[in-house]
């Protein structure tokens, strides 16, 4: 009886979920249309309509299948031992991508937008893009849910028993770091994916090279979830990959340099910390101005402290402009959680350049909070 009574509520919930999925798909299709309109100098109205229809069909075929199937499959995959859990999850993403593309190309050939004789050509060419997008979004979501689940388990354990003061403090710091990083990684991957998507039609070979760089970023993102710090040299490699992706997007609008002595590259820093500062400069300086801008990354040893500085030629800002819960605020929280009061995030303005500086102890190979 209770299950029968619950059926109207379930139907209503499913209907709301479906409406939300369709709205997200429509928004994605409109975003693709706007990108094409901005990046292509001359597009006729019929071409714009064709792009919109194609985007809508792909978004609804691939996106709807993913949104309906993956939430039901992911819990079953998570219960499998590693690495089988990842094998099952990624395999499901690949299969759903292929099914979505098969349906989309079928619909578009029936509508006359794609020539029927080239069905498999269009299928193969679009499947690569669909797989890349599905893996990035799907893996990011899987990581986020995994971190969220671990935080919930930790919270329940803390409620059931009393822990020693030091143990409770350590778990609280780890939970705080995991929460902050789970908000950073998907946002970071989404931004880099936008840069790649703008090049898929114009320069497929360049887009392929950038996908390889994105793969390196994704591997770094996966690995960084297992540790609270990484060597500065590894962080700079990821920053360079990120800047190369954005360089393909902005062209001559973006100029950058990295000047870090070899002896400082072993220092431990929070993962994606320097990248957060660079992304902030690109967003508020390079992307915001028609003439673009310049970003300089340096690191120096000053006494017993290491300073990592990201400078740009933008108009600058003060601490009051930092929004709570966003990139720089999150980075400040991570530095405090790892190094207590021994680390700092500072803003300055000199020589017509805005500088954001991370200052950490020279002995940051082992964070003082855990010594």
Protein backbone atom coordinates (compact mmCIF):
# COMPACT_ATOMS: atom_id res chain seq x y z
CA UNK A 1 0.00 0.00 0.00
CA UNK A 2 2.75 2.43 0.90
CA UNK A 3 4.53 1.88 -2.42
CA UNK A 4 1.30 2.61 -4.33
CA UNK A 5 0.78 5.78 -2.33
CA UNK A 6 4.34 6.88 -3.13
CA UNK A 7 3.89 6.51 -6.90
CA UNK A 8 2.44 10.01 -7.55
CA UNK A 9 5.32 11.58 -5.62
CA UNK A 10 7.84 9.51 -7.58
CA UNK A 11 6.26 10.47 -10.89
CA UNK A 12 6.32 14.12 -9.89
CA UNK A 13 9.98 13.87 -8.85
CA UNK A 14 10.89 12.17 -12.13
CA UNK A 15 9.03 14.82 -14.13
CA UNK A 16 10.85 17.62 -12.31
CA UNK A 17 14.18 15.90 -12.89
CA UNK A 18 13.43 15.50 -16.59
CA UNK A 19 12.45 19.17 -16.92
CA UNK A 20 15.70 20.20 -15.20
CA UNK A 21 17.73 17.98 -17.54
CA UNK A 22 16.04 19.46 -20.60
CA UNK A 23 16.69 22.99 -19.33
CA UNK A 24 20.38 22.21 -18.81
CA UNK A 25 20.59 20.65 -22.28
CA UNK A 26 18.95 23.71 -23.84
CA UNK A 27 21.39 26.00 -22.01
CA UNK A 28 24.35 23.95 -23.26
CA UNK A 29 23.07 24.12 -26.84
CA UNK A 30 22.62 27.89 -26.60
CA UNK A 31 26.17 28.23 -25.24
CA UNK A 32 27.53 26.32 -28.24
CA UNK A 33 25.49 28.53 -30.58
CA UNK A 34 26.85 31.71 -28.98
CA UNK A 35 30.44 30.39 -29.19
CA UNK A 36 30.03 29.61 -32.89
CA UNK A 37 28.49 33.01 -33.52
CA UNK A 38 31.34 34.79 -31.72
CA UNK A 39 34.16 32.74 -33.25
CA UNK A 40 32.89 32.68 -36.84
CA UNK A 41 33.06 35.96 -38.71
CA UNK A 42 30.26 35.26 -41.16
CA UNK A 43 27.43 32.84 -40.48
CA UNK A 44 24.10 32.93 -42.22
CA UNK A 45 20.82 32.56 -40.39
CA UNK A 46 20.35 29.08 -41.82
CA UNK A 47 23.80 28.05 -40.56
CA UNK A 48 23.02 29.36 -37.08
CA UNK A 49 19.74 27.43 -37.07
CA UNK A 50 21.60 24.30 -38.20
CA UNK A 51 24.16 24.68 -35.41
CA UNK A 52 21.41 25.21 -32.83
CA UNK A 53 19.45 22.16 -33.97
CA UNK A 54 22.61 20.01 -34.04
CA UNK A 55 23.61 21.17 -30.53
CA UNK A 56 20.12 20.56 -29.16
CA UNK A 57 19.97 17.06 -30.61
CA UNK A 58 23.40 16.08 -29.26
CA UNK A 59 22.77 17.69 -25.86
CA UNK A 60 19.45 15.91 -25.44
CA UNK A 61 20.58 12.54 -26.76
CA UNK A 62 23.89 12.35 -24.87
CA UNK A 63 23.07 14.56 -21.89
CA UNK A 64 19.69 13.02 -21.10
CA UNK A 65 20.99 9.45 -21.28
CA UNK A 66 23.92 10.33 -19.01
CA UNK A 67 21.75 12.21 -16.52
CA UNK A 68 19.21 9.39 -16.24
CA UNK A 69 21.55 6.40 -16.24
CA UNK A 70 24.74 7.47 -14.42
CA UNK A 71 23.13 8.35 -11.02
CA UNK A 72 21.78 4.76 -10.92
CA UNK A 73 24.98 3.11 -12.16
CA UNK A 74 27.50 5.11 -10.08
CA UNK A 75 26.52 3.61 -6.66
CA UNK A 76 26.94 0.08 -8.04
CA UNK A 77 30.37 1.00 -9.44
CA UNK A 78 31.42 2.59 -6.14
CA UNK A 79 30.77 -0.66 -4.29
CA UNK A 80 33.31 -2.50 -6.45
CA UNK A 81 36.96 -2.73 -5.32
CA UNK A 82 39.52 -0.42 -6.92
CA UNK A 83 40.37 -0.43 -9.83
CA UNK A 84 37.27 -2.35 -10.97
CA UNK A 85 35.06 0.51 -9.81
CA UNK A 86 36.79 2.92 -12.22
CA UNK A 87 36.82 0.36 -15.05
CA UNK A 88 33.06 -0.18 -14.77
CA UNK A 89 32.34 3.53 -14.42
CA UNK A 90 34.48 4.65 -17.38
CA UNK A 91 33.23 1.77 -19.54
CA UNK A 92 29.64 2.85 -18.84
CA UNK A 93 30.49 6.44 -19.82
CA UNK A 94 32.02 5.24 -23.11
CA UNK A 95 29.02 3.03 -23.92
CA UNK A 96 26.50 5.78 -23.18
CA UNK A 97 28.51 8.26 -25.27
CA UNK A 98 28.42 5.87 -28.22
CA UNK A 99 24.68 5.23 -27.81
CA UNK A 100 23.95 8.96 -27.55
CA UNK A 101 25.98 9.72 -30.69
CA UNK A 102 24.31 6.89 -32.63
CA UNK A 103 20.87 8.28 -31.80
CA UNK A 104 21.89 11.89 -32.45
CA UNK A 105 23.42 11.18 -35.86
CA UNK A 106 20.39 9.06 -36.78
CA UNK A 107 18.02 11.91 -35.91
CA UNK A 108 20.12 14.51 -37.74
CA UNK A 109 20.35 12.38 -40.89
CA UNK A 110 16.57 11.91 -40.82
CA UNK A 111 16.16 15.67 -40.50
CA UNK A 112 18.42 16.21 -43.50
CA UNK A 113 21.10 18.15 -41.59
CA UNK A 114 23.68 15.35 -42.04
CA UNK A 115 23.85 13.46 -45.36
CA UNK A 116 22.76 9.82 -44.79
CA UNK A 117 25.64 8.52 -46.89
CA UNK A 118 28.15 9.91 -44.35
CA UNK A 119 26.43 8.51 -41.26
CA UNK A 120 29.49 6.68 -39.87
CA UNK A 121 31.86 9.52 -40.76
CA UNK A 122 29.84 11.93 -38.64
CA UNK A 123 29.45 9.31 -35.92
CA UNK A 124 33.20 8.75 -35.58
CA UNK A 125 34.10 12.45 -35.70
CA UNK A 126 31.55 13.45 -33.04
CA UNK A 127 32.11 10.42 -30.83
CA UNK A 128 35.63 11.61 -29.90
CA UNK A 129 34.30 14.96 -28.66
CA UNK A 130 31.40 13.29 -26.85
CA UNK A 131 33.76 10.88 -25.06
CA UNK A 132 36.10 13.68 -23.94
CA UNK A 133 33.23 15.76 -22.56
CA UNK A 134 31.58 12.73 -20.92
CA UNK A 135 34.82 11.64 -19.24
CA UNK A 136 35.65 15.09 -17.91
CA UNK A 137 32.19 15.86 -16.56
CA UNK A 138 31.50 12.28 -15.45
CA UNK A 139 34.84 11.76 -13.68
CA UNK A 140 34.63 15.19 -12.02
CA UNK A 141 31.15 14.40 -10.74
CA UNK A 142 32.26 10.95 -9.55
CA UNK A 143 35.17 12.48 -7.65
CA UNK A 144 32.92 15.12 -6.13
CA UNK A 145 30.39 12.55 -4.94
CA UNK A 146 33.19 10.37 -3.58
CA UNK A 147 34.60 13.26 -1.56
CA UNK A 148 31.13 14.18 -0.37
CA UNK A 149 30.46 10.61 0.72
CA UNK A 150 33.76 10.42 2.62
CA UNK A 151 32.97 13.68 4.38
CA UNK A 152 29.56 12.34 5.41
CA UNK A 153 31.10 9.12 6.73
CA UNK A 154 33.68 11.09 8.70
CA UNK A 155 30.96 13.30 10.18
CA UNK A 156 28.92 10.27 11.28
CA UNK A 157 31.95 8.70 12.93
CA UNK A 158 32.70 11.90 14.81
CA UNK A 159 29.10 11.98 16.08
CA UNK A 160 29.22 8.38 17.31
CA UNK A 161 32.40 8.55 19.38
CA UNK A 162 34.68 11.01 21.04
CA UNK A 163 38.15 11.30 19.61
CA UNK A 164 41.31 12.64 21.12
CA UNK A 165 41.78 16.36 20.59
CA UNK A 166 44.65 16.01 18.11
CA UNK A 167 42.86 13.32 16.11
CA UNK A 168 39.68 15.41 15.88
CA UNK A 169 41.69 18.45 14.79
CA UNK A 170 43.45 16.50 12.04
CA UNK A 171 40.21 15.06 10.65
CA UNK A 172 38.59 18.49 10.69
CA UNK A 173 41.47 19.92 8.66
CA UNK A 174 41.32 17.03 6.16
CA UNK A 175 37.54 17.42 5.78
CA UNK A 176 37.95 21.17 5.23
CA UNK A 177 40.61 20.64 2.56
CA UNK A 178 38.53 17.98 0.78
CA UNK A 179 35.47 20.25 0.75
CA UNK A 180 37.42 23.16 -0.71
CA UNK A 181 39.18 21.01 -3.33
CA UNK A 182 35.91 19.38 -4.45
CA UNK A 183 34.68 22.87 -5.38
CA UNK A 184 37.91 23.80 -7.15
CA UNK A 185 38.48 20.81 -9.44
CA UNK A 186 35.22 20.72 -11.43
CA UNK A 187 35.35 24.48 -11.91
CA UNK A 188 38.94 24.24 -13.12
CA UNK A 189 38.19 21.44 -15.58
CA UNK A 190 35.11 23.22 -16.89
CA UNK A 191 37.15 26.34 -17.74
CA UNK A 192 39.82 24.38 -19.62
CA UNK A 193 37.14 22.43 -21.51
CA UNK A 194 35.64 25.70 -22.72
CA UNK A 195 39.01 26.70 -24.14
CA UNK A 196 39.29 23.42 -26.06
CA UNK A 197 35.72 23.43 -27.36
CA UNK A 198 36.29 26.78 -29.07
CA UNK A 199 38.98 25.18 -31.29
CA UNK A 200 37.34 21.88 -32.28
CA UNK A 201 35.87 23.18 -35.55
CA UNK A 202 38.60 25.70 -36.44
CA UNK A 203 41.74 23.63 -35.86
CA UNK A 204 41.10 19.93 -35.05
CA UNK A 205 44.82 19.07 -34.81
CA UNK A 206 45.47 21.84 -32.31
CA UNK A 207 42.37 20.78 -30.40
CA UNK A 208 43.76 17.23 -30.25
CA UNK A 209 47.05 18.47 -28.79
CA UNK A 210 45.16 20.51 -26.25
CA UNK A 211 43.10 17.46 -25.29
CA UNK A 212 46.40 15.74 -24.43
CA UNK A 213 47.27 18.66 -22.16
CA UNK A 214 43.83 18.44 -20.61
CA UNK A 215 44.43 14.73 -19.99
CA UNK A 216 47.54 15.69 -18.01
CA UNK A 217 45.49 18.20 -16.04
CA UNK A 218 42.87 15.54 -15.34
CA UNK A 219 45.50 13.08 -14.10
CA UNK A 220 46.90 15.78 -11.83
CA UNK A 221 43.41 16.52 -10.53
CA UNK A 222 42.87 12.83 -9.75
CA UNK A 223 46.21 12.51 -7.97
CA UNK A 224 45.83 15.76 -6.01
CA UNK A 225 42.73 14.40 -4.28
CA UNK A 226 45.02 11.93 -2.50
CA UNK A 227 47.39 14.53 -1.04
CA UNK A 228 47.20 17.97 0.54
CA UNK A 229 50.43 19.27 -1.05
CA UNK A 230 52.47 18.75 -4.23
CA UNK A 231 56.00 19.81 -5.27
CA UNK A 232 56.11 23.30 -6.76
CA UNK A 233 57.77 21.93 -9.91
CA UNK A 234 54.80 19.64 -10.57
CA UNK A 235 52.36 22.48 -9.90
CA UNK A 236 54.22 24.68 -12.41
CA UNK A 237 54.03 21.92 -15.05
CA UNK A 238 50.26 21.94 -14.70
CA UNK A 239 50.20 25.76 -14.75
CA UNK A 240 52.19 25.68 -18.01
CA UNK A 241 49.72 23.19 -19.54
CA UNK A 242 46.83 25.40 -18.44
CA UNK A 243 48.46 28.53 -19.91
CA UNK A 244 49.13 26.75 -23.21
CA UNK A 245 45.45 25.81 -23.43
CA UNK A 246 44.46 29.42 -22.74
CA UNK A 247 47.15 30.64 -25.16
CA UNK A 248 45.37 28.75 -27.92
CA UNK A 249 42.18 30.52 -26.91
CA UNK A 250 43.49 34.08 -26.51
CA UNK A 251 46.36 34.03 -29.04
CA UNK A 252 48.48 37.21 -28.95
CA UNK A 253 46.27 38.64 -26.23
CA UNK A 254 48.06 36.45 -23.68
CA UNK A 255 51.75 36.80 -22.80
CA UNK A 256 53.27 34.92 -19.89
CA UNK A 257 56.58 33.98 -18.31
CA UNK A 258 57.63 31.54 -15.56
CA UNK A 259 60.81 32.24 -13.62
CA UNK A 260 61.37 29.80 -10.76
CA UNK A 261 64.85 28.60 -9.66
CA UNK A 262 65.40 24.84 -9.79
CA UNK A 263 66.25 24.69 -6.08
CA UNK A 264 62.76 25.89 -5.15
CA UNK A 265 60.81 23.42 -7.25
CA UNK A 266 60.84 20.76 -4.51
CA UNK A 267 58.99 23.01 -2.05
CA UNK A 268 55.53 21.69 -1.17
CA UNK A 269 52.47 23.81 -2.03
CA UNK A 270 48.70 23.13 -2.04
CA UNK A 271 47.65 21.56 -5.37
CA UNK A 272 46.23 24.07 -7.88
CA UNK A 273 47.33 26.99 -5.70
CA UNK A 274 49.47 28.77 -8.31
CA UNK A 275 46.94 27.81 -10.97
CA UNK A 276 44.23 29.58 -8.96
CA UNK A 277 46.24 32.82 -9.02
CA UNK A 278 46.95 32.46 -12.75
CA UNK A 279 43.30 31.73 -13.51
CA UNK A 280 42.32 34.85 -11.56
CA UNK A 281 44.64 36.99 -13.73
CA UNK A 282 43.34 35.46 -16.95
CA UNK A 283 39.72 35.96 -15.94
CA UNK A 284 39.97 39.55 -14.72
CA UNK A 285 42.76 40.92 -16.94
CA UNK A 286 43.39 38.96 -20.15
CA UNK A 287 39.78 37.99 -20.88
CA UNK A 288 38.33 41.29 -19.69
CA UNK A 289 40.40 43.57 -21.94
CA UNK A 290 40.49 43.82 -25.71
CA UNK A 291 44.27 44.19 -25.71
CA UNK A 292 44.72 41.22 -23.38
CA UNK A 293 47.46 41.21 -20.78
CA UNK A 294 50.66 39.76 -19.38
CA UNK A 295 51.11 37.26 -16.54
CA UNK A 296 54.44 36.72 -14.78
CA UNK A 297 55.10 33.86 -12.35
CA UNK A 298 58.15 34.03 -10.09
CA UNK A 299 59.39 32.36 -6.92
CA UNK A 300 62.16 33.56 -4.61
CA UNK A 301 63.75 32.56 -1.32
CA UNK A 302 63.70 35.40 1.21
CA UNK A 303 65.39 34.37 4.45
CA UNK A 304 63.46 31.44 5.91
CA UNK A 305 60.44 31.94 3.63
CA UNK A 306 59.57 31.20 0.02
CA UNK A 307 57.45 33.69 -1.89
CA UNK A 308 55.55 32.63 -5.00
CA UNK A 309 54.25 35.62 -6.91
CA UNK A 310 51.83 35.97 -9.82
CA UNK A 311 51.81 39.44 -11.38
CA UNK A 312 49.69 40.93 -14.14
CA UNK A 313 49.33 44.34 -15.79
CA UNK A 314 45.67 44.74 -14.86
CA UNK A 315 44.14 47.65 -12.92
CA UNK A 316 44.43 45.78 -9.61
CA UNK A 317 42.03 45.14 -6.75
CA UNK A 318 41.98 45.10 -2.95
CA UNK A 319 41.16 42.45 -0.37
CA UNK A 320 37.56 43.69 -0.12
CA UNK A 321 36.95 42.54 -3.72
CA UNK A 322 37.68 38.88 -2.86
CA UNK A 323 34.37 37.03 -2.75
CA UNK A 324 33.77 34.53 0.05
CA UNK A 325 33.88 30.93 -1.15
CA UNK A 326 35.62 31.78 -4.46
CA UNK A 327 39.15 31.05 -5.73
CA UNK A 328 41.38 33.39 -3.67
CA UNK A 329 39.26 33.02 -0.54
CA UNK A 330 39.42 29.23 -0.88
CA UNK A 331 43.19 29.38 -1.37
CA UNK A 332 43.60 31.49 1.77
CA UNK A 333 41.56 28.94 3.73
CA UNK A 334 43.67 26.07 2.41
CA UNK A 335 46.92 27.82 3.33
CA UNK A 336 45.62 28.48 6.84
CA UNK A 337 44.47 24.87 7.24
CA UNK A 338 47.85 23.50 6.15
CA UNK A 339 50.32 25.96 7.68
CA UNK A 340 48.33 27.78 10.40
CA UNK A 341 49.57 31.38 10.68
CA UNK A 342 52.92 30.62 9.02
CA UNK A 343 51.53 31.07 5.51
CA UNK A 344 50.02 34.19 3.98
CA UNK A 345 48.28 35.40 0.83
CA UNK A 346 49.17 39.03 0.12
CA UNK A 347 48.08 41.65 -2.45
CA UNK A 348 50.34 44.48 -3.63
CA UNK A 349 50.71 47.02 -6.45
CA UNK A 350 54.05 48.22 -7.80
CA UNK A 351 55.57 49.24 -11.14
CA UNK A 352 52.03 49.36 -12.62
CA UNK A 353 51.65 45.64 -11.93
CA UNK A 354 49.27 43.84 -9.57
CA UNK A 355 50.90 41.06 -7.55
CA UNK A 356 49.30 38.26 -5.55
CA UNK A 357 51.90 36.50 -3.38
CA UNK A 358 51.87 33.19 -1.53
CA UNK A 359 54.34 33.20 1.34
CA UNK A 360 55.17 29.88 3.05
CA UNK A 361 57.97 28.59 5.31
CA UNK A 362 61.11 27.23 3.62
CA UNK A 363 60.54 23.97 5.55
CA UNK A 364 57.17 23.49 3.83
CA UNK A 365 58.19 20.02 2.71
CA UNK A 366 56.39 18.94 5.91
CA UNK A 367 53.48 21.28 6.76
CA UNK A 368 53.95 22.67 10.31
CA UNK A 369 50.34 21.75 11.11
CA UNK A 370 51.32 18.06 10.98
CA UNK A 371 54.81 18.16 12.49
